[in-house]
Amino acid sequence: MIQIKRFVTNPIGENCYLVWDDTLACAVIDCGAWGEDKETKIARFIEENHLVPTLSLQTHMHFDHILGLHFLHRTYGLRPLCHAGERPIYDAAAGMARDWFGLLIPEPLVPVERFLAHEEELRFGSTYLRVIHTPGHTPGSVMFYQPDEKVLFSGDTLFQGSVGRTDTPGGDMEQEITALRERVLTLSDDVVVYPGHGPSTTIGDERLHNPYL
């Protein structure tokens, strides 16, 4: 059985998730920790719960989702895993953070450990997360799905009552809606969705109430 802890990590209200099982092996999803206080809060939780971070996973590489990657690399030796479609997004992230919000991301950026493939299974401890490629918000946006526990980490592709914006470079609304209909709405209604911003929801609620779907 997995456990999940959410941290709201920066001025953009980005959700970072720690996911672990009985072995205490832990995956960190979208570490957007900005500032020593946020880093300390995450590190303290990891230490107090005896977790062992083993994976740094990225639903996508927009700047608000990568602000904590240096922290993960410096503290736990982790490098991020993302889809290959995110390479240009990651390359542009520091400039976007500076130009849009005046946030400075240290450079050089943490090198990517490797690129993810659709339907790949990422194992840590005695559990795994399955990669679902859902392009549209960005070309390489992915979700992470645990079918036994029926939980889905949707990044910025699906929110409670909304979907990800597509007016930034690489965005494509038609592609995003197609990916959601063909690869996400096929999941059962009781799957709990943990998005990159805002509260959790379920596939059933979004199927019924999300105006984009």
C-alpha atoms as a PDB file:
ATOM      1  CA  MET A   1       0.000   0.000   0.000  1.00  0.00           C
ATOM      2  CA  ILE A   2       1.359   3.407  -0.934  1.00  0.00           C
ATOM      3  CA  GLN A   3       1.222   6.606   1.056  1.00  0.00           C
ATOM      4  CA  ILE A   4       1.182  10.133  -0.358  1.00  0.00           C
ATOM      5  CA  LYS A   5       2.250  13.469   1.072  1.00  0.00           C
ATOM      6  CA  ARG A   6       1.578  16.736  -0.759  1.00  0.00           C
ATOM      7  CA  PHE A   7       3.644  19.908  -0.376  1.00  0.00           C
ATOM      8  CA  VAL A   8       2.660  23.258  -1.908  1.00  0.00           C
ATOM      9  CA  THR A   9       6.115  24.439  -2.760  1.00  0.00           C
ATOM     10  CA  ASN A  10       6.376  27.885  -4.335  1.00  0.00           C
ATOM     11  CA  PRO A  11       4.613  31.182  -5.159  1.00  0.00           C
ATOM     12  CA  ILE A  12       2.873  29.534  -8.141  1.00  0.00           C
ATOM     13  CA  GLY A  13       1.090  27.087  -5.827  1.00  0.00           C
ATOM     14  CA  GLU A  14       2.741  24.009  -7.329  1.00  0.00           C
ATOM     15  CA  ASN A  15       2.110  20.603  -5.743  1.00  0.00           C
ATOM     16  CA  CYS A  16       5.072  18.340  -5.035  1.00  0.00           C
ATOM     17  CA  TYR A  17       4.258  14.776  -3.980  1.00  0.00           C
ATOM     18  CA  LEU A  18       6.183  12.200  -1.997  1.00  0.00           C
ATOM     19  CA  VAL A  19       4.996   8.650  -2.709  1.00  0.00           C
ATOM     20  CA  TRP A  20       6.236   5.665  -0.741  1.00  0.00           C
ATOM     21  CA  ASP A  21       5.356   2.127   0.313  1.00  0.00           C
ATOM     22  CA  ASP A  22       6.094  -0.176   3.250  1.00  0.00           C
ATOM     23  CA  THR A  23       9.744  -0.482   2.216  1.00  0.00           C
ATOM     24  CA  LEU A  24      10.076   3.319   2.719  1.00  0.00           C
ATOM     25  CA  ALA A  25      11.510   3.721  -0.794  1.00  0.00           C
ATOM     26  CA  CYS A  26      10.171   7.049  -1.999  1.00  0.00           C
ATOM     27  CA  ALA A  27       9.483   8.722  -5.343  1.00  0.00           C
ATOM     28  CA  VAL A  28       9.445  12.520  -5.475  1.00  0.00           C
ATOM     29  CA  ILE A  29       7.114  13.923  -8.139  1.00  0.00           C
ATOM     30  CA  ASP A  30       7.556  17.485  -9.464  1.00  0.00           C
ATOM     31  CA  CYS A  31       9.817  18.961  -6.806  1.00  0.00           C
ATOM     32  CA  GLY A  32       9.088  22.671  -7.180  1.00  0.00           C
ATOM     33  CA  ALA A  33      10.575  23.588  -3.774  1.00  0.00           C
ATOM     34  CA  TRP A  34      11.600  27.239  -3.839  1.00  0.00           C
ATOM     35  CA  GLY A  35      13.675  28.562  -0.953  1.00  0.00           C
ATOM     36  CA  GLU A  36      15.373  27.068   2.052  1.00  0.00           C
ATOM     37  CA  ASP A  37      12.160  26.910   4.090  1.00  0.00           C
ATOM     38  CA  LYS A  38      10.417  24.669   1.539  1.00  0.00           C
ATOM     39  CA  GLU A  39      13.491  22.498   1.106  1.00  0.00           C
ATOM     40  CA  THR A  40      13.831  22.110   4.867  1.00  0.00           C
ATOM     41  CA  LYS A  41      10.171  21.177   5.267  1.00  0.00           C
ATOM     42  CA  ILE A  42      10.451  18.390   2.690  1.00  0.00           C
ATOM     43  CA  ALA A  43      13.803  17.154   4.014  1.00  0.00           C
ATOM     44  CA  ARG A  44      12.512  17.111   7.593  1.00  0.00           C
ATOM     45  CA  PHE A  45       9.462  15.058   6.597  1.00  0.00           C
ATOM     46  CA  ILE A  46      11.689  12.586   4.743  1.00  0.00           C
ATOM     47  CA  GLU A  47      14.024  12.269   7.720  1.00  0.00           C
ATOM     48  CA  GLU A  48      11.289  11.982  10.359  1.00  0.00           C
ATOM     49  CA  ASN A  49       9.523   9.252   8.397  1.00  0.00           C
ATOM     50  CA  HIS A  50      12.755   7.408   7.528  1.00  0.00           C
ATOM     51  CA  LEU A  51      12.033   7.626   3.801  1.00  0.00           C
ATOM     52  CA  VAL A  52      14.651   6.803   1.180  1.00  0.00           C
ATOM     53  CA  PRO A  53      14.213   8.969  -1.944  1.00  0.00           C
ATOM     54  CA  THR A  54      15.069   6.871  -4.995  1.00  0.00           C
ATOM     55  CA  LEU A  55      13.330   8.575  -7.938  1.00  0.00           C
ATOM     56  CA  SER A  56      12.924  12.197  -9.038  1.00  0.00           C
ATOM     57  CA  LEU A  57       9.995  12.169 -11.470  1.00  0.00           C
ATOM     58  CA  GLN A  58       8.725  15.024 -13.620  1.00  0.00           C
ATOM     59  CA  THR A  59       5.293  15.254 -15.197  1.00  0.00           C
ATOM     60  CA  HIS A  60       6.776  18.092 -17.246  1.00  0.00           C
ATOM     61  CA  MET A  61       9.577  20.642 -17.031  1.00  0.00           C
ATOM     62  CA  HIS A  62       7.913  24.040 -16.636  1.00  0.00           C
ATOM     63  CA  PHE A  63       9.923  26.176 -14.247  1.00  0.00           C
ATOM     64  CA  ASP A  64       7.492  25.987 -11.321  1.00  0.00           C
ATOM     65  CA  HIS A  65       7.846  22.194 -11.308  1.00  0.00           C
ATOM     66  CA  ILE A  66      11.663  22.102 -11.351  1.00  0.00           C
ATOM     67  CA  LEU A  67      12.659  24.727  -8.783  1.00  0.00           C
ATOM     68  CA  GLY A  68      13.654  21.990  -6.306  1.00  0.00           C
ATOM     69  CA  LEU A  69      15.708  19.791  -8.611  1.00  0.00           C
ATOM     70  CA  HIS A  70      19.027  21.196  -7.379  1.00  0.00           C
ATOM     71  CA  PHE A  71      17.880  20.467  -3.821  1.00  0.00           C
ATOM     72  CA  LEU A  72      17.081  16.823  -4.681  1.00  0.00           C
ATOM     73  CA  HIS A  73      20.387  16.409  -6.476  1.00  0.00           C
ATOM     74  CA  ARG A  74      22.419  18.102  -3.745  1.00  0.00           C
ATOM     75  CA  THR A  75      20.713  16.289  -0.858  1.00  0.00           C
ATOM     76  CA  TYR A  76      19.887  12.832  -2.250  1.00  0.00           C
ATOM     77  CA  GLY A  77      21.962  12.543  -5.411  1.00  0.00           C
ATOM     78  CA  LEU A  78      18.850  12.304  -7.599  1.00  0.00           C
ATOM     79  CA  ARG A  79      18.599  13.465 -11.185  1.00  0.00           C
ATOM     80  CA  PRO A  80      15.206  13.963 -12.864  1.00  0.00           C
ATOM     81  CA  LEU A  81      13.418  11.569 -15.175  1.00  0.00           C
ATOM     82  CA  CYS A  82      11.143  13.097 -17.811  1.00  0.00           C
ATOM     83  CA  HIS A  83       9.852  12.491 -21.334  1.00  0.00           C
ATOM     84  CA  ALA A  84      12.204  13.377 -24.202  1.00  0.00           C
ATOM     85  CA  GLY A  85       9.646  15.890 -25.473  1.00  0.00           C
ATOM     86  CA  GLU A  86      10.519  18.083 -22.490  1.00  0.00           C
ATOM     87  CA  ARG A  87      14.089  18.831 -23.577  1.00  0.00           C
ATOM     88  CA  PRO A  88      13.320  22.260 -25.101  1.00  0.00           C
ATOM     89  CA  ILE A  89      10.969  23.105 -22.213  1.00  0.00           C
ATOM     90  CA  TYR A  90      13.699  22.332 -19.675  1.00  0.00           C
ATOM     91  CA  ASP A  91      16.286  24.318 -21.636  1.00  0.00           C
ATOM     92  CA  ALA A  92      14.004  27.367 -21.575  1.00  0.00           C
ATOM     93  CA  ALA A  93      12.840  27.008 -17.950  1.00  0.00           C
ATOM     94  CA  ALA A  94      15.421  29.252 -16.293  1.00  0.00           C
ATOM     95  CA  GLY A  95      14.698  32.089 -18.716  1.00  0.00           C
ATOM     96  CA  MET A  96      10.946  31.738 -18.237  1.00  0.00           C
ATOM     97  CA  ALA A  97      11.285  31.791 -14.442  1.00  0.00           C
ATOM     98  CA  ARG A  98      13.412  34.941 -14.615  1.00  0.00           C
ATOM     99  CA  ASP A  99      11.330  36.784 -17.209  1.00  0.00           C
ATOM    100  CA  TRP A 100       7.868  35.886 -15.881  1.00  0.00           C
ATOM    101  CA  PHE A 101       8.333  35.950 -12.117  1.00  0.00           C
ATOM    102  CA  GLY A 102      11.839  37.151 -11.323  1.00  0.00           C
ATOM    103  CA  LEU A 103      12.813  33.752  -9.902  1.00  0.00           C
ATOM    104  CA  LEU A 104      16.391  32.640 -10.393  1.00  0.00           C
ATOM    105  CA  ILE A 105      17.070  28.966 -11.079  1.00  0.00           C
ATOM    106  CA  PRO A 106      20.748  28.046 -10.580  1.00  0.00           C
ATOM    107  CA  GLU A 107      22.549  27.073 -13.738  1.00  0.00           C
ATOM    108  CA  PRO A 108      23.693  24.749 -15.120  1.00  0.00           C
ATOM    109  CA  LEU A 109      20.473  22.796 -14.707  1.00  0.00           C
ATOM    110  CA  VAL A 110      20.607  19.353 -13.111  1.00  0.00           C
ATOM    111  CA  PRO A 111      21.234  16.845 -15.926  1.00  0.00           C
ATOM    112  CA  VAL A 112      18.351  14.527 -16.777  1.00  0.00           C
ATOM    113  CA  GLU A 113      18.950  10.966 -15.603  1.00  0.00           C
ATOM    114  CA  ARG A 114      17.093   9.486 -18.584  1.00  0.00           C
ATOM    115  CA  PHE A 115      13.946   9.882 -20.654  1.00  0.00           C
ATOM    116  CA  LEU A 116      10.657   8.124 -20.044  1.00  0.00           C
ATOM    117  CA  ALA A 117       8.526   6.091 -22.455  1.00  0.00           C
ATOM    118  CA  HIS A 118       4.735   5.760 -22.615  1.00  0.00           C
ATOM    119  CA  GLU A 119       3.500   2.796 -20.526  1.00  0.00           C
ATOM    120  CA  GLU A 120       6.910   2.293 -18.914  1.00  0.00           C
ATOM    121  CA  GLU A 121       6.727   1.059 -15.311  1.00  0.00           C
ATOM    122  CA  LEU A 122       8.931   2.849 -12.791  1.00  0.00           C
ATOM    123  CA  ARG A 123       9.642   0.597  -9.838  1.00  0.00           C
ATOM    124  CA  PHE A 124      10.646   1.713  -6.346  1.00  0.00           C
ATOM    125  CA  GLY A 125      10.422  -0.457  -3.274  1.00  0.00           C
ATOM    126  CA  SER A 126       7.674  -3.013  -3.841  1.00  0.00           C
ATOM    127  CA  THR A 127       5.469  -0.788  -5.988  1.00  0.00           C
ATOM    128  CA  TYR A 128       5.582   1.053  -9.300  1.00  0.00           C
ATOM    129  CA  LEU A 129       4.141   3.953 -11.258  1.00  0.00           C
ATOM    130  CA  ARG A 130       3.114   3.579 -14.891  1.00  0.00           C
ATOM    131  CA  VAL A 131       3.943   6.393 -17.310  1.00  0.00           C
ATOM    132  CA  ILE A 132       1.084   7.775 -19.419  1.00  0.00           C
ATOM    133  CA  HIS A 133       2.216  10.217 -22.121  1.00  0.00           C
ATOM    134  CA  THR A 134      -0.376  13.011 -22.376  1.00  0.00           C
ATOM    135  CA  PRO A 135       1.003  15.703 -24.701  1.00  0.00           C
ATOM    136  CA  GLY A 136      -0.719  19.050 -25.063  1.00  0.00           C
ATOM    137  CA  HIS A 137       0.153  21.198 -22.076  1.00  0.00           C
ATOM    138  CA  THR A 138       3.724  20.546 -23.180  1.00  0.00           C
ATOM    139  CA  PRO A 139       4.979  18.083 -25.807  1.00  0.00           C
ATOM    140  CA  GLY A 140       6.348  15.666 -23.220  1.00  0.00           C
ATOM    141  CA  SER A 141       3.768  15.938 -20.463  1.00  0.00           C
ATOM    142  CA  VAL A 142       3.189  12.638 -18.696  1.00  0.00           C
ATOM    143  CA  MET A 143       1.081  11.316 -15.848  1.00  0.00           C
ATOM    144  CA  PHE A 144       2.076   8.683 -13.308  1.00  0.00           C
ATOM    145  CA  TYR A 145      -0.523   5.997 -12.558  1.00  0.00           C
ATOM    146  CA  GLN A 146      -0.655   3.318  -9.876  1.00  0.00           C
ATOM    147  CA  PRO A 147      -3.384   0.917 -11.026  1.00  0.00           C
ATOM    148  CA  ASP A 148      -3.601  -1.212  -7.877  1.00  0.00           C
ATOM    149  CA  GLU A 149      -4.102   1.821  -5.640  1.00  0.00           C
ATOM    150  CA  LYS A 150      -6.085   3.699  -8.321  1.00  0.00           C
ATOM    151  CA  VAL A 151      -4.181   6.961  -8.018  1.00  0.00           C
ATOM    152  CA  LEU A 152      -3.037   9.240 -10.827  1.00  0.00           C
ATOM    153  CA  PHE A 153      -0.563  12.113 -10.674  1.00  0.00           C
ATOM    154  CA  SER A 154      -1.718  14.310 -13.532  1.00  0.00           C
ATOM    155  CA  GLY A 155       0.738  17.208 -13.534  1.00  0.00           C
ATOM    156  CA  ASP A 156      -0.705  20.263 -15.277  1.00  0.00           C
ATOM    157  CA  THR A 157      -2.726  18.320 -17.836  1.00  0.00           C
ATOM    158  CA  LEU A 158      -5.821  17.699 -15.709  1.00  0.00           C
ATOM    159  CA  PHE A 159      -7.087  19.750 -12.768  1.00  0.00           C
ATOM    160  CA  GLN A 160     -10.260  19.782 -10.734  1.00  0.00           C
ATOM    161  CA  GLY A 161     -12.726  21.314 -13.190  1.00  0.00           C
ATOM    162  CA  SER A 162     -10.139  22.331 -15.750  1.00  0.00           C
ATOM    163  CA  VAL A 163      -7.244  21.283 -17.970  1.00  0.00           C
ATOM    164  CA  GLY A 164      -3.753  22.599 -18.554  1.00  0.00           C
ATOM    165  CA  ARG A 165      -3.141  25.832 -20.398  1.00  0.00           C
ATOM    166  CA  THR A 166      -1.751  25.475 -23.912  1.00  0.00           C
ATOM    167  CA  ASP A 167      -0.792  29.089 -24.711  1.00  0.00           C
ATOM    168  CA  THR A 168       2.897  28.608 -23.857  1.00  0.00           C
ATOM    169  CA  PRO A 169       5.520  27.274 -26.315  1.00  0.00           C
ATOM    170  CA  GLY A 170       4.801  23.696 -27.328  1.00  0.00           C
ATOM    171  CA  GLY A 171       1.181  23.772 -26.146  1.00  0.00           C
ATOM    172  CA  ASP A 172      -1.610  22.239 -28.219  1.00  0.00           C
ATOM    173  CA  MET A 173      -5.190  22.158 -26.897  1.00  0.00           C
ATOM    174  CA  GLU A 174      -6.494  19.686 -29.484  1.00  0.00           C
ATOM    175  CA  GLN A 175      -3.654  17.308 -28.677  1.00  0.00           C
ATOM    176  CA  GLU A 176      -4.265  17.688 -24.943  1.00  0.00           C
ATOM    177  CA  ILE A 177      -7.994  16.934 -25.141  1.00  0.00           C
ATOM    178  CA  THR A 178      -7.329  13.938 -27.398  1.00  0.00           C
ATOM    179  CA  ALA A 179      -4.793  12.545 -24.929  1.00  0.00           C
ATOM    180  CA  LEU A 180      -7.201  13.021 -22.037  1.00  0.00           C
ATOM    181  CA  ARG A 181     -10.076  11.308 -23.834  1.00  0.00           C
ATOM    182  CA  GLU A 182      -8.044   8.420 -25.212  1.00  0.00           C
ATOM    183  CA  ARG A 183      -5.598   7.749 -22.361  1.00  0.00           C
ATOM    184  CA  VAL A 184      -7.115   9.166 -19.147  1.00  0.00           C
ATOM    185  CA  LEU A 185     -10.902   9.015 -19.341  1.00  0.00           C
ATOM    186  CA  THR A 186     -10.506   5.308 -20.078  1.00  0.00           C
ATOM    187  CA  LEU A 187      -9.582   4.872 -16.386  1.00  0.00           C
ATOM    188  CA  SER A 188     -12.277   3.972 -13.870  1.00  0.00           C
ATOM    189  CA  ASP A 189     -14.352   6.636 -12.142  1.00  0.00           C
ATOM    190  CA  ASP A 190     -12.886   5.891  -8.707  1.00  0.00           C
ATOM    191  CA  VAL A 191      -9.305   6.759  -9.684  1.00  0.00           C
ATOM    192  CA  VAL A 192      -8.120   9.640  -7.477  1.00  0.00           C
ATOM    193  CA  VAL A 193      -6.331  12.400  -9.389  1.00  0.00           C
ATOM    194  CA  TYR A 194      -3.522  14.395  -7.781  1.00  0.00           C
ATOM    195  CA  PRO A 195      -2.839  17.444  -9.994  1.00  0.00           C
ATOM    196  CA  GLY A 196       0.123  19.789 -10.239  1.00  0.00           C
ATOM    197  CA  HIS A 197      -1.906  22.650  -8.744  1.00  0.00           C
ATOM    198  CA  GLY A 198      -5.008  22.734  -6.582  1.00  0.00           C
ATOM    199  CA  PRO A 199      -7.006  20.004  -4.822  1.00  0.00           C
ATOM    200  CA  SER A 200      -7.362  16.348  -5.708  1.00  0.00           C
ATOM    201  CA  THR A 201     -10.344  15.064  -7.673  1.00  0.00           C
ATOM    202  CA  THR A 202     -11.512  11.831  -9.299  1.00  0.00           C
ATOM    203  CA  ILE A 203     -11.871  10.644 -12.863  1.00  0.00           C
ATOM    204  CA  GLY A 204     -15.607  10.239 -12.285  1.00  0.00           C
ATOM    205  CA  ASP A 205     -16.045  13.816 -11.096  1.00  0.00           C
ATOM    206  CA  GLU A 206     -14.081  15.177 -14.048  1.00  0.00           C
ATOM    207  CA  ARG A 207     -15.999  13.010 -16.495  1.00  0.00           C
ATOM    208  CA  LEU A 208     -19.238  14.509 -15.207  1.00  0.00           C
ATOM    209  CA  HIS A 209     -18.316  18.093 -14.397  1.00  0.00           C
ATOM    210  CA  ASN A 210     -15.199  19.182 -16.275  1.00  0.00           C
ATOM    211  CA  PRO A 211     -16.411  21.522 -19.059  1.00  0.00           C
ATOM    212  CA  TYR A 212     -13.406  20.663 -21.263  1.00  0.00           C
ATOM    213  CA  LEU A 213     -14.195  16.956 -21.229  1.00  0.00           C
END
